[in-house]
Amino acid sequence: MNHVRYIDKTRDYYLSQGYDKPYRWANFDDVPFTPLNKPLAESRGEIVYAAGATV
C-alpha cells in the first residue's frame, strides 16, 4: 500500500499556485488538555455536533 504524503503534496500545491512560501502547518509547544481525574473506564463524556442540510 502506498501512503499519500499530504505535507509534501500540500507544500508542492501551494508553491505551484504561485505562493512565495510553502504552507506552514500549525505547531504548538503546549497542549491545552487537562489530565483526567479518574480512569477513562470510569469517566463519562459527551460529543456535541451540529449539522445542516441544504437542498
N, C-alpha and C. Protein backbone atom coordinates (compact mmCIF):
# COMPACT_ATOMS: atom_id res chain seq x y z
N MET A 1 0.84 -1.18 0.00
CA MET A 1 0.00 0.00 0.00
C MET A 1 0.89 1.24 0.00
N ASN A 2 0.61 2.16 -0.88
CA ASN A 2 1.35 3.41 -0.94
C ASN A 2 0.69 4.44 -0.04
N HIS A 3 1.49 5.17 0.68
CA HIS A 3 0.98 6.22 1.55
C HIS A 3 0.99 7.55 0.81
N VAL A 4 -0.01 8.36 1.07
CA VAL A 4 -0.06 9.70 0.49
C VAL A 4 0.71 10.63 1.42
N ARG A 5 1.65 11.32 0.88
CA ARG A 5 2.46 12.24 1.68
C ARG A 5 1.80 13.62 1.61
N TYR A 6 0.81 13.83 2.51
CA TYR A 6 -0.01 15.03 2.46
C TYR A 6 0.79 16.31 2.67
N ILE A 7 1.76 16.29 3.55
CA ILE A 7 2.53 17.51 3.80
C ILE A 7 3.31 17.90 2.55
N ASP A 8 3.98 16.93 1.93
CA ASP A 8 4.71 17.22 0.70
C ASP A 8 3.77 17.65 -0.42
N LYS A 9 2.64 16.97 -0.52
CA LYS A 9 1.66 17.29 -1.56
C LYS A 9 1.10 18.70 -1.38
N THR A 10 0.80 19.08 -0.14
CA THR A 10 0.27 20.41 0.14
C THR A 10 1.33 21.48 -0.14
N ARG A 11 2.56 21.22 0.28
CA ARG A 11 3.65 22.17 0.03
C ARG A 11 3.82 22.40 -1.48
N ASP A 12 3.85 21.32 -2.25
CA ASP A 12 4.00 21.44 -3.70
C ASP A 12 2.83 22.18 -4.33
N TYR A 13 1.62 21.92 -3.83
CA TYR A 13 0.43 22.58 -4.37
C TYR A 13 0.51 24.09 -4.18
N TYR A 14 0.83 24.53 -2.97
CA TYR A 14 0.88 25.97 -2.71
C TYR A 14 1.98 26.64 -3.52
N LEU A 15 3.12 25.99 -3.67
CA LEU A 15 4.18 26.56 -4.49
C LEU A 15 3.76 26.63 -5.95
N SER A 16 3.02 25.63 -6.44
CA SER A 16 2.57 25.63 -7.84
C SER A 16 1.51 26.70 -8.09
N GLN A 17 0.84 27.17 -7.03
CA GLN A 17 -0.18 28.21 -7.16
C GLN A 17 0.41 29.61 -7.11
N GLY A 18 1.73 29.70 -6.98
CA GLY A 18 2.39 31.00 -7.01
C GLY A 18 2.68 31.61 -5.65
N TYR A 19 2.40 30.90 -4.57
CA TYR A 19 2.73 31.43 -3.25
C TYR A 19 4.24 31.44 -3.07
N ASP A 20 4.76 32.48 -2.42
CA ASP A 20 6.20 32.61 -2.23
C ASP A 20 6.75 31.62 -1.23
N LYS A 21 5.96 31.32 -0.21
CA LYS A 21 6.42 30.42 0.85
C LYS A 21 5.53 29.18 0.88
N PRO A 22 6.09 28.03 1.25
CA PRO A 22 5.26 26.83 1.35
C PRO A 22 4.28 26.94 2.50
N TYR A 23 3.22 26.12 2.46
CA TYR A 23 2.22 26.11 3.51
C TYR A 23 2.88 25.81 4.85
N ARG A 24 2.49 26.55 5.87
CA ARG A 24 3.08 26.38 7.20
C ARG A 24 2.07 25.70 8.11
N TRP A 25 2.39 24.52 8.58
CA TRP A 25 1.50 23.75 9.44
C TRP A 25 1.52 24.30 10.85
N ALA A 26 0.40 24.21 11.54
CA ALA A 26 0.32 24.67 12.93
C ALA A 26 1.23 23.81 13.80
N ASN A 27 1.88 24.45 14.75
CA ASN A 27 2.79 23.76 15.64
C ASN A 27 2.66 24.39 17.02
N PHE A 28 2.35 23.57 18.02
CA PHE A 28 2.14 24.07 19.37
C PHE A 28 3.10 23.39 20.34
N ASP A 29 3.75 24.17 21.18
CA ASP A 29 4.62 23.60 22.21
C ASP A 29 3.81 23.09 23.39
N ASP A 30 2.73 23.80 23.73
CA ASP A 30 1.87 23.40 24.84
C ASP A 30 0.58 22.79 24.29
N VAL A 31 0.10 21.77 24.94
CA VAL A 31 -1.15 21.13 24.54
C VAL A 31 -2.22 21.52 25.55
N PRO A 32 -3.35 22.09 25.08
CA PRO A 32 -4.37 22.60 26.01
C PRO A 32 -5.32 21.51 26.53
N PHE A 33 -4.77 20.45 27.10
CA PHE A 33 -5.60 19.39 27.67
C PHE A 33 -5.35 19.29 29.16
N THR A 34 -6.33 18.79 29.87
CA THR A 34 -6.22 18.59 31.31
C THR A 34 -6.25 17.09 31.59
N PRO A 35 -5.37 16.59 32.44
CA PRO A 35 -5.40 15.16 32.76
C PRO A 35 -6.74 14.77 33.39
N LEU A 36 -7.16 13.53 33.15
CA LEU A 36 -8.40 13.04 33.74
C LEU A 36 -8.25 12.86 35.25
N ASN A 37 -9.33 13.08 35.98
CA ASN A 37 -9.32 12.91 37.43
C ASN A 37 -9.48 11.46 37.84
N LYS A 38 -10.05 10.63 36.95
CA LYS A 38 -10.24 9.21 37.24
C LYS A 38 -10.00 8.43 35.96
N PRO A 39 -9.89 7.12 36.05
CA PRO A 39 -9.63 6.33 34.84
C PRO A 39 -10.70 6.54 33.77
N LEU A 40 -10.31 6.39 32.53
CA LEU A 40 -11.22 6.60 31.41
C LEU A 40 -12.44 5.68 31.49
N ALA A 41 -12.24 4.44 31.93
CA ALA A 41 -13.35 3.49 32.04
C ALA A 41 -14.41 3.95 33.03
N GLU A 42 -14.04 4.79 33.98
CA GLU A 42 -14.98 5.29 34.97
C GLU A 42 -15.49 6.69 34.63
N SER A 43 -15.06 7.23 33.52
CA SER A 43 -15.42 8.60 33.14
C SER A 43 -16.60 8.61 32.17
N ARG A 44 -17.25 9.74 32.11
CA ARG A 44 -18.33 9.96 31.16
C ARG A 44 -17.98 11.17 30.32
N GLY A 45 -18.40 11.15 29.08
CA GLY A 45 -18.13 12.28 28.20
C GLY A 45 -19.27 12.49 27.23
N GLU A 46 -19.23 13.59 26.54
CA GLU A 46 -20.26 13.92 25.57
C GLU A 46 -19.60 14.42 24.30
N ILE A 47 -20.27 14.16 23.21
CA ILE A 47 -19.85 14.71 21.92
C ILE A 47 -20.99 15.58 21.43
N VAL A 48 -20.69 16.82 21.14
CA VAL A 48 -21.69 17.76 20.67
C VAL A 48 -21.33 18.13 19.23
N TYR A 49 -22.32 18.03 18.35
CA TYR A 49 -22.06 18.39 16.97
C TYR A 49 -23.31 19.02 16.37
N ALA A 50 -23.11 19.69 15.27
CA ALA A 50 -24.24 20.30 14.58
C ALA A 50 -24.09 19.99 13.09
N ALA A 51 -25.20 19.82 12.44
CA ALA A 51 -25.18 19.55 11.01
C ALA A 51 -26.30 20.34 10.35
N GLY A 52 -26.07 20.74 9.16
CA GLY A 52 -27.10 21.46 8.43
C GLY A 52 -27.35 20.76 7.11
N ALA A 53 -28.58 20.77 6.69
CA ALA A 53 -28.93 20.15 5.41
C ALA A 53 -29.31 21.25 4.43
N THR A 54 -28.83 21.11 3.22
CA THR A 54 -29.18 22.08 2.18
C THR A 54 -29.82 21.35 1.02
N VAL A 55 -30.66 22.06 0.33
CA VAL A 55 -31.34 21.45 -0.82
C VAL A 55 -30.85 22.10 -2.08
